[in-house]
Amino acid sequence: MGIFDDFNFKLVVLNALLDENPSFQEELEALIEKYTKDYEWYTGAGPIKEMLKFFSELYIEQIDLEKITELCFDGGNEIYGYIQPDWDGEDYFFDIQSVKGFEHIKNLKSVVYISMLNKEVLDPMKERGITIE
């Protein structure tokens, strides 16, 4: 998994980078075009395996991690739509169990907590002085 123990936490980190011109932008755009445009909605197709594989294997560059100042834990995060476009948030597929590895996000100042985890999971961040909203 790399620096993050929980793949779903890695997805939250990656989501924070989507509007920050990350080093993986071009590759991600090509995959989105290839795999999401013909997705068959509401057929029970589940997640797009190629997108899961890409995010799972993706090494996050330190230069990208330095761009992150805030994380948002929300079922409406854009990244979930790339993996399973018709995901409705009514199951626990993307829930986060651990934020271990957050220490590598040196400029992280705040977290917006809406959903996707039990709030206690964020205690290590709070102990490091990160604002939880």
N, C-alpha and C. Protein backbone atom coordinates (compact mmCIF):
# COMPACT_ATOMS: atom_id res chain seq x y z
N MET A 1 0.82 -1.20 0.00
CA MET A 1 0.00 0.00 0.00
C MET A 1 0.86 1.26 0.00
N GLY A 2 2.10 1.15 0.37
CA GLY A 2 2.92 2.35 0.39
C GLY A 2 2.89 3.02 1.75
N ILE A 3 2.77 4.33 1.76
CA ILE A 3 2.86 5.07 3.02
C ILE A 3 1.55 5.09 3.81
N PHE A 4 0.46 4.69 3.19
CA PHE A 4 -0.84 4.67 3.87
C PHE A 4 -1.29 3.23 4.09
N ASP A 5 -1.69 2.90 5.31
CA ASP A 5 -2.15 1.55 5.63
C ASP A 5 -3.51 1.24 5.01
N ASP A 6 -4.35 2.24 4.89
CA ASP A 6 -5.73 2.06 4.46
C ASP A 6 -5.89 2.61 3.03
N PHE A 7 -6.22 1.74 2.10
CA PHE A 7 -6.41 2.17 0.71
C PHE A 7 -7.45 3.27 0.60
N ASN A 8 -8.52 3.17 1.37
CA ASN A 8 -9.57 4.18 1.28
C ASN A 8 -9.10 5.54 1.79
N PHE A 9 -8.17 5.55 2.74
CA PHE A 9 -7.58 6.83 3.15
C PHE A 9 -6.71 7.38 2.02
N LYS A 10 -5.99 6.51 1.33
CA LYS A 10 -5.20 6.95 0.18
C LYS A 10 -6.11 7.62 -0.85
N LEU A 11 -7.30 7.09 -1.04
CA LEU A 11 -8.24 7.70 -1.99
C LEU A 11 -8.61 9.12 -1.56
N VAL A 12 -8.79 9.34 -0.27
CA VAL A 12 -9.10 10.69 0.23
C VAL A 12 -7.92 11.63 -0.07
N VAL A 13 -6.72 11.15 0.14
CA VAL A 13 -5.52 11.93 -0.16
C VAL A 13 -5.46 12.25 -1.66
N LEU A 14 -5.69 11.25 -2.49
CA LEU A 14 -5.68 11.46 -3.94
C LEU A 14 -6.77 12.43 -4.36
N ASN A 15 -7.92 12.35 -3.72
CA ASN A 15 -9.01 13.26 -4.04
C ASN A 15 -8.60 14.71 -3.80
N ALA A 16 -7.84 14.93 -2.72
CA ALA A 16 -7.38 16.28 -2.40
C ALA A 16 -6.45 16.83 -3.48
N LEU A 17 -5.86 15.95 -4.27
CA LEU A 17 -4.93 16.37 -5.31
C LEU A 17 -5.58 16.61 -6.66
N LEU A 18 -6.81 16.20 -6.84
CA LEU A 18 -7.42 16.24 -8.16
C LEU A 18 -7.45 17.63 -8.78
N ASP A 19 -7.59 18.67 -7.98
CA ASP A 19 -7.62 20.04 -8.50
C ASP A 19 -6.27 20.75 -8.35
N GLU A 20 -5.22 19.99 -8.06
CA GLU A 20 -3.91 20.57 -7.79
C GLU A 20 -2.87 20.23 -8.87
N ASN A 21 -3.33 19.82 -10.05
CA ASN A 21 -2.43 19.44 -11.14
C ASN A 21 -1.37 18.44 -10.66
N PRO A 22 -1.81 17.27 -10.20
CA PRO A 22 -0.86 16.28 -9.69
C PRO A 22 -0.01 15.68 -10.81
N SER A 23 1.08 15.07 -10.43
CA SER A 23 2.00 14.48 -11.41
C SER A 23 1.34 13.36 -12.22
N PHE A 24 0.27 12.79 -11.73
CA PHE A 24 -0.41 11.68 -12.41
C PHE A 24 -1.62 12.15 -13.23
N GLN A 25 -1.79 13.44 -13.41
CA GLN A 25 -2.98 14.03 -14.06
C GLN A 25 -3.25 13.46 -15.45
N GLU A 26 -2.25 13.46 -16.31
CA GLU A 26 -2.47 13.01 -17.69
C GLU A 26 -2.87 11.54 -17.75
N GLU A 27 -2.20 10.72 -16.97
CA GLU A 27 -2.52 9.29 -16.96
C GLU A 27 -3.94 9.07 -16.44
N LEU A 28 -4.31 9.80 -15.40
CA LEU A 28 -5.66 9.67 -14.85
C LEU A 28 -6.71 10.10 -15.87
N GLU A 29 -6.49 11.21 -16.54
CA GLU A 29 -7.46 11.68 -17.54
C GLU A 29 -7.66 10.65 -18.65
N ALA A 30 -6.58 10.02 -19.07
CA ALA A 30 -6.69 8.99 -20.12
C ALA A 30 -7.51 7.80 -19.63
N LEU A 31 -7.29 7.40 -18.38
CA LEU A 31 -8.04 6.27 -17.83
C LEU A 31 -9.52 6.61 -17.65
N ILE A 32 -9.79 7.82 -17.20
CA ILE A 32 -11.18 8.26 -17.04
C ILE A 32 -11.90 8.20 -18.39
N GLU A 33 -11.25 8.73 -19.40
CA GLU A 33 -11.84 8.71 -20.76
C GLU A 33 -12.06 7.28 -21.23
N LYS A 34 -11.11 6.41 -20.98
CA LYS A 34 -11.18 5.04 -21.48
C LYS A 34 -12.22 4.19 -20.74
N TYR A 35 -12.30 4.34 -19.42
CA TYR A 35 -13.09 3.39 -18.63
C TYR A 35 -14.41 3.92 -18.07
N THR A 36 -14.60 5.21 -17.97
CA THR A 36 -15.84 5.68 -17.35
C THR A 36 -16.90 6.12 -18.34
N LYS A 37 -16.51 6.46 -19.55
CA LYS A 37 -17.51 6.99 -20.48
C LYS A 37 -18.55 5.94 -20.89
N ASP A 38 -18.18 4.67 -20.91
CA ASP A 38 -19.12 3.62 -21.30
C ASP A 38 -19.60 2.78 -20.12
N TYR A 39 -19.43 3.30 -18.93
CA TYR A 39 -19.85 2.57 -17.74
C TYR A 39 -21.37 2.35 -17.78
N GLU A 40 -21.79 1.14 -17.48
CA GLU A 40 -23.23 0.82 -17.49
C GLU A 40 -23.81 1.08 -16.10
N TRP A 41 -24.47 2.19 -15.99
CA TRP A 41 -25.02 2.65 -14.71
C TRP A 41 -26.12 1.74 -14.20
N TYR A 42 -26.13 1.57 -12.90
CA TYR A 42 -27.19 0.87 -12.15
C TYR A 42 -27.47 -0.54 -12.69
N THR A 43 -26.42 -1.23 -13.05
CA THR A 43 -26.55 -2.61 -13.51
C THR A 43 -25.91 -3.58 -12.53
N GLY A 44 -25.37 -3.03 -11.45
CA GLY A 44 -24.66 -3.87 -10.49
C GLY A 44 -23.24 -4.18 -10.96
N ALA A 45 -22.74 -3.38 -11.89
CA ALA A 45 -21.41 -3.62 -12.46
C ALA A 45 -20.31 -3.50 -11.42
N GLY A 46 -20.53 -2.74 -10.39
CA GLY A 46 -19.52 -2.57 -9.34
C GLY A 46 -18.40 -1.64 -9.77
N PRO A 47 -17.32 -1.66 -9.00
CA PRO A 47 -16.21 -0.77 -9.31
C PRO A 47 -15.49 -1.16 -10.60
N ILE A 48 -14.88 -0.17 -11.23
CA ILE A 48 -14.10 -0.39 -12.43
C ILE A 48 -12.73 -0.90 -11.99
N LYS A 49 -12.45 -2.15 -12.30
CA LYS A 49 -11.23 -2.80 -11.82
C LYS A 49 -9.95 -2.08 -12.25
N GLU A 50 -9.95 -1.55 -13.45
CA GLU A 50 -8.76 -0.86 -13.95
C GLU A 50 -8.50 0.43 -13.16
N MET A 51 -9.56 1.10 -12.74
CA MET A 51 -9.40 2.32 -11.94
C MET A 51 -8.91 1.97 -10.54
N LEU A 52 -9.48 0.92 -9.96
CA LEU A 52 -9.01 0.47 -8.64
C LEU A 52 -7.53 0.10 -8.70
N LYS A 53 -7.14 -0.60 -9.74
CA LYS A 53 -5.75 -1.02 -9.88
C LYS A 53 -4.84 0.20 -10.02
N PHE A 54 -5.23 1.16 -10.84
CA PHE A 54 -4.43 2.37 -11.03
C PHE A 54 -4.20 3.08 -9.70
N PHE A 55 -5.28 3.34 -8.95
CA PHE A 55 -5.15 4.05 -7.69
C PHE A 55 -4.39 3.23 -6.65
N SER A 56 -4.60 1.95 -6.67
CA SER A 56 -3.91 1.07 -5.73
C SER A 56 -2.40 1.08 -5.95
N GLU A 57 -1.98 1.03 -7.19
CA GLU A 57 -0.57 0.95 -7.53
C GLU A 57 0.12 2.31 -7.62
N LEU A 58 -0.66 3.38 -7.64
CA LEU A 58 -0.11 4.72 -7.82
C LEU A 58 0.79 5.12 -6.66
N TYR A 59 2.00 5.52 -6.99
CA TYR A 59 2.93 6.06 -6.01
C TYR A 59 2.70 7.57 -5.97
N ILE A 60 2.43 8.10 -4.79
CA ILE A 60 2.19 9.54 -4.67
C ILE A 60 3.53 10.23 -4.42
N GLU A 61 3.89 11.09 -5.33
CA GLU A 61 5.14 11.83 -5.24
C GLU A 61 5.10 12.81 -4.06
N GLN A 62 6.24 13.02 -3.43
CA GLN A 62 6.33 13.96 -2.31
C GLN A 62 5.92 15.36 -2.74
N ILE A 63 6.27 15.74 -3.96
CA ILE A 63 5.89 17.06 -4.46
C ILE A 63 4.37 17.22 -4.49
N ASP A 64 3.66 16.12 -4.74
CA ASP A 64 2.20 16.17 -4.71
C ASP A 64 1.69 16.24 -3.27
N LEU A 65 2.26 15.44 -2.38
CA LEU A 65 1.84 15.47 -0.98
C LEU A 65 2.00 16.87 -0.38
N GLU A 66 3.01 17.60 -0.80
CA GLU A 66 3.25 18.94 -0.28
C GLU A 66 2.17 19.93 -0.68
N LYS A 67 1.39 19.63 -1.69
CA LYS A 67 0.31 20.51 -2.16
C LYS A 67 -0.92 20.44 -1.25
N ILE A 68 -1.01 19.43 -0.42
CA ILE A 68 -2.21 19.19 0.38
C ILE A 68 -2.16 19.96 1.69
N THR A 69 -3.19 20.78 1.90
CA THR A 69 -3.34 21.49 3.18
C THR A 69 -4.63 21.08 3.89
N GLU A 70 -5.55 20.46 3.13
CA GLU A 70 -6.84 20.07 3.70
C GLU A 70 -7.30 18.76 3.07
N LEU A 71 -7.91 17.92 3.90
CA LEU A 71 -8.53 16.69 3.43
C LEU A 71 -10.02 16.76 3.74
N CYS A 72 -10.82 16.16 2.87
CA CYS A 72 -12.27 16.12 3.09
C CYS A 72 -12.74 14.67 3.07
N PHE A 73 -13.35 14.27 4.17
CA PHE A 73 -13.91 12.92 4.28
C PHE A 73 -15.40 13.02 3.99
N ASP A 74 -15.79 12.65 2.76
CA ASP A 74 -17.17 12.80 2.34
C ASP A 74 -17.48 11.77 1.25
N GLY A 75 -18.62 11.14 1.34
CA GLY A 75 -19.04 10.17 0.33
C GLY A 75 -19.24 10.77 -1.04
N GLY A 76 -19.31 12.09 -1.12
CA GLY A 76 -19.48 12.75 -2.40
C GLY A 76 -18.18 13.12 -3.08
N ASN A 77 -17.05 12.67 -2.54
CA ASN A 77 -15.76 13.00 -3.16
C ASN A 77 -15.72 12.53 -4.61
N GLU A 78 -15.14 13.35 -5.44
CA GLU A 78 -15.05 13.11 -6.88
C GLU A 78 -14.41 11.77 -7.23
N ILE A 79 -13.42 11.37 -6.49
CA ILE A 79 -12.65 10.17 -6.82
C ILE A 79 -13.50 8.90 -6.83
N TYR A 80 -14.53 8.86 -5.99
CA TYR A 80 -15.38 7.67 -5.94
C TYR A 80 -16.14 7.48 -7.25
N GLY A 81 -16.49 8.58 -7.90
CA GLY A 81 -17.17 8.51 -9.19
C GLY A 81 -16.29 7.97 -10.30
N TYR A 82 -14.99 8.10 -10.15
CA TYR A 82 -14.06 7.54 -11.14
C TYR A 82 -13.94 6.03 -10.98
N ILE A 83 -14.11 5.58 -9.76
CA ILE A 83 -13.96 4.15 -9.48
C ILE A 83 -15.26 3.40 -9.70
N GLN A 84 -16.35 3.98 -9.22
CA GLN A 84 -17.67 3.37 -9.41
C GLN A 84 -18.67 4.50 -9.63
N PRO A 85 -18.87 4.89 -10.88
CA PRO A 85 -19.69 6.06 -11.19
C PRO A 85 -21.09 6.06 -10.57
N ASP A 86 -21.68 4.89 -10.37
CA ASP A 86 -23.04 4.85 -9.82
C ASP A 86 -23.08 4.56 -8.32
N TRP A 87 -21.93 4.68 -7.64
CA TRP A 87 -21.91 4.41 -6.20
C TRP A 87 -22.78 5.43 -5.49
N ASP A 88 -23.66 4.94 -4.63
CA ASP A 88 -24.62 5.83 -3.96
C ASP A 88 -24.29 6.09 -2.50
N GLY A 89 -23.19 5.54 -2.02
CA GLY A 89 -22.79 5.80 -0.64
C GLY A 89 -23.54 5.00 0.40
N GLU A 90 -24.38 4.07 -0.04
CA GLU A 90 -25.20 3.34 0.91
C GLU A 90 -24.56 2.03 1.39
N ASP A 91 -23.30 1.81 1.05
CA ASP A 91 -22.59 0.67 1.61
C ASP A 91 -21.27 1.19 2.18
N TYR A 92 -20.47 0.29 2.66
CA TYR A 92 -19.25 0.69 3.36
C TYR A 92 -17.99 0.50 2.51
N PHE A 93 -18.16 0.39 1.21
CA PHE A 93 -17.05 0.07 0.31
C PHE A 93 -15.86 1.02 0.45
N PHE A 94 -16.11 2.31 0.62
CA PHE A 94 -15.05 3.30 0.69
C PHE A 94 -14.77 3.81 2.11
N ASP A 95 -15.35 3.19 3.11
CA ASP A 95 -15.13 3.66 4.49
C ASP A 95 -13.67 3.50 4.91
N ILE A 96 -13.23 4.41 5.75
CA ILE A 96 -11.84 4.47 6.19
C ILE A 96 -11.73 3.94 7.62
N GLN A 97 -10.75 3.08 7.83
CA GLN A 97 -10.52 2.51 9.15
C GLN A 97 -9.30 3.11 9.84
N SER A 98 -8.39 3.70 9.05
CA SER A 98 -7.13 4.21 9.60
C SER A 98 -6.63 5.39 8.77
N VAL A 99 -6.03 6.36 9.44
CA VAL A 99 -5.38 7.47 8.75
C VAL A 99 -3.85 7.37 8.89
N LYS A 100 -3.39 6.19 9.28
CA LYS A 100 -1.96 5.99 9.47
C LYS A 100 -1.22 6.34 8.18
N GLY A 101 -0.20 7.16 8.32
CA GLY A 101 0.57 7.65 7.19
C GLY A 101 0.31 9.12 6.92
N PHE A 102 -0.70 9.69 7.58
CA PHE A 102 -1.00 11.11 7.36
C PHE A 102 0.20 11.99 7.69
N GLU A 103 1.11 11.48 8.50
CA GLU A 103 2.29 12.23 8.92
C GLU A 103 3.15 12.64 7.72
N HIS A 104 3.00 11.95 6.60
CA HIS A 104 3.77 12.25 5.39
C HIS A 104 3.20 13.45 4.64
N ILE A 105 2.03 13.91 5.06
CA ILE A 105 1.40 15.08 4.44
C ILE A 105 1.80 16.28 5.30
N LYS A 106 2.98 16.79 5.05
CA LYS A 106 3.63 17.78 5.93
C LYS A 106 2.87 19.09 6.07
N ASN A 107 2.12 19.49 5.05
CA ASN A 107 1.42 20.78 5.08
C ASN A 107 -0.06 20.67 5.45
N LEU A 108 -0.48 19.50 5.90
CA LEU A 108 -1.88 19.30 6.28
C LEU A 108 -2.22 20.14 7.50
N LYS A 109 -3.22 21.01 7.34
CA LYS A 109 -3.63 21.91 8.42
C LYS A 109 -5.03 21.60 8.96
N SER A 110 -5.90 21.11 8.06
CA SER A 110 -7.29 20.89 8.48
C SER A 110 -7.93 19.72 7.76
N VAL A 111 -8.99 19.24 8.41
CA VAL A 111 -9.77 18.13 7.89
C VAL A 111 -11.24 18.51 7.97
N VAL A 112 -11.95 18.28 6.89
CA VAL A 112 -13.40 18.45 6.89
C VAL A 112 -13.99 17.05 7.06
N TYR A 113 -14.68 16.85 8.17
CA TYR A 113 -15.28 15.54 8.48
C TYR A 113 -16.77 15.61 8.19
N ILE A 114 -17.20 14.83 7.23
CA ILE A 114 -18.62 14.74 6.90
C ILE A 114 -19.11 13.31 7.10
N SER A 115 -18.34 12.36 6.56
CA SER A 115 -18.73 10.96 6.65
C SER A 115 -17.54 10.07 6.29
N MET A 116 -17.77 8.80 6.15
CA MET A 116 -16.81 7.81 5.66
C MET A 116 -15.98 7.16 6.75
N LEU A 117 -16.13 7.55 8.01
CA LEU A 117 -15.35 6.96 9.09
C LEU A 117 -15.95 7.33 10.43
N ASN A 118 -15.56 6.59 11.45
CA ASN A 118 -15.90 6.98 12.81
C ASN A 118 -14.96 8.12 13.18
N LYS A 119 -15.50 9.15 13.79
CA LYS A 119 -14.71 10.35 14.07
C LYS A 119 -13.46 10.06 14.89
N GLU A 120 -13.49 9.01 15.72
CA GLU A 120 -12.32 8.66 16.55
C GLU A 120 -11.10 8.30 15.70
N VAL A 121 -11.33 7.87 14.48
CA VAL A 121 -10.22 7.52 13.58
C VAL A 121 -9.33 8.75 13.33
N LEU A 122 -9.92 9.94 13.48
CA LEU A 122 -9.18 11.18 13.25
C LEU A 122 -8.39 11.65 14.47
N ASP A 123 -8.51 10.96 15.61
CA ASP A 123 -7.82 11.37 16.83
C ASP A 123 -6.31 11.59 16.65
N PRO A 124 -5.60 10.72 15.92
CA PRO A 124 -4.16 10.97 15.75
C PRO A 124 -3.87 12.31 15.06
N MET A 125 -4.75 12.72 14.15
CA MET A 125 -4.59 14.01 13.49
C MET A 125 -4.83 15.14 14.48
N LYS A 126 -5.89 15.00 15.25
CA LYS A 126 -6.22 16.02 16.24
C LYS A 126 -5.07 16.18 17.24
N GLU A 127 -4.47 15.07 17.64
CA GLU A 127 -3.35 15.11 18.58
C GLU A 127 -2.14 15.83 17.99
N ARG A 128 -2.03 15.86 16.70
CA ARG A 128 -0.92 16.57 16.03
C ARG A 128 -1.26 18.03 15.74
N GLY A 129 -2.42 18.49 16.20
CA GLY A 129 -2.79 19.89 16.04
C GLY A 129 -3.52 20.21 14.74
N ILE A 130 -3.94 19.21 14.02
CA ILE A 130 -4.70 19.43 12.79
C ILE A 130 -6.14 19.73 13.16
N THR A 131 -6.68 20.79 12.59
CA THR A 131 -8.05 21.21 12.87
C THR A 131 -9.03 20.24 12.23
N ILE A 132 -9.99 19.76 13.02
CA ILE A 132 -11.06 18.89 12.51
C ILE A 132 -12.35 19.69 12.52
N GLU A 133 -12.92 19.89 11.36
CA GLU A 133 -14.16 20.68 11.24
C GLU A 133 -15.34 19.78 11.01
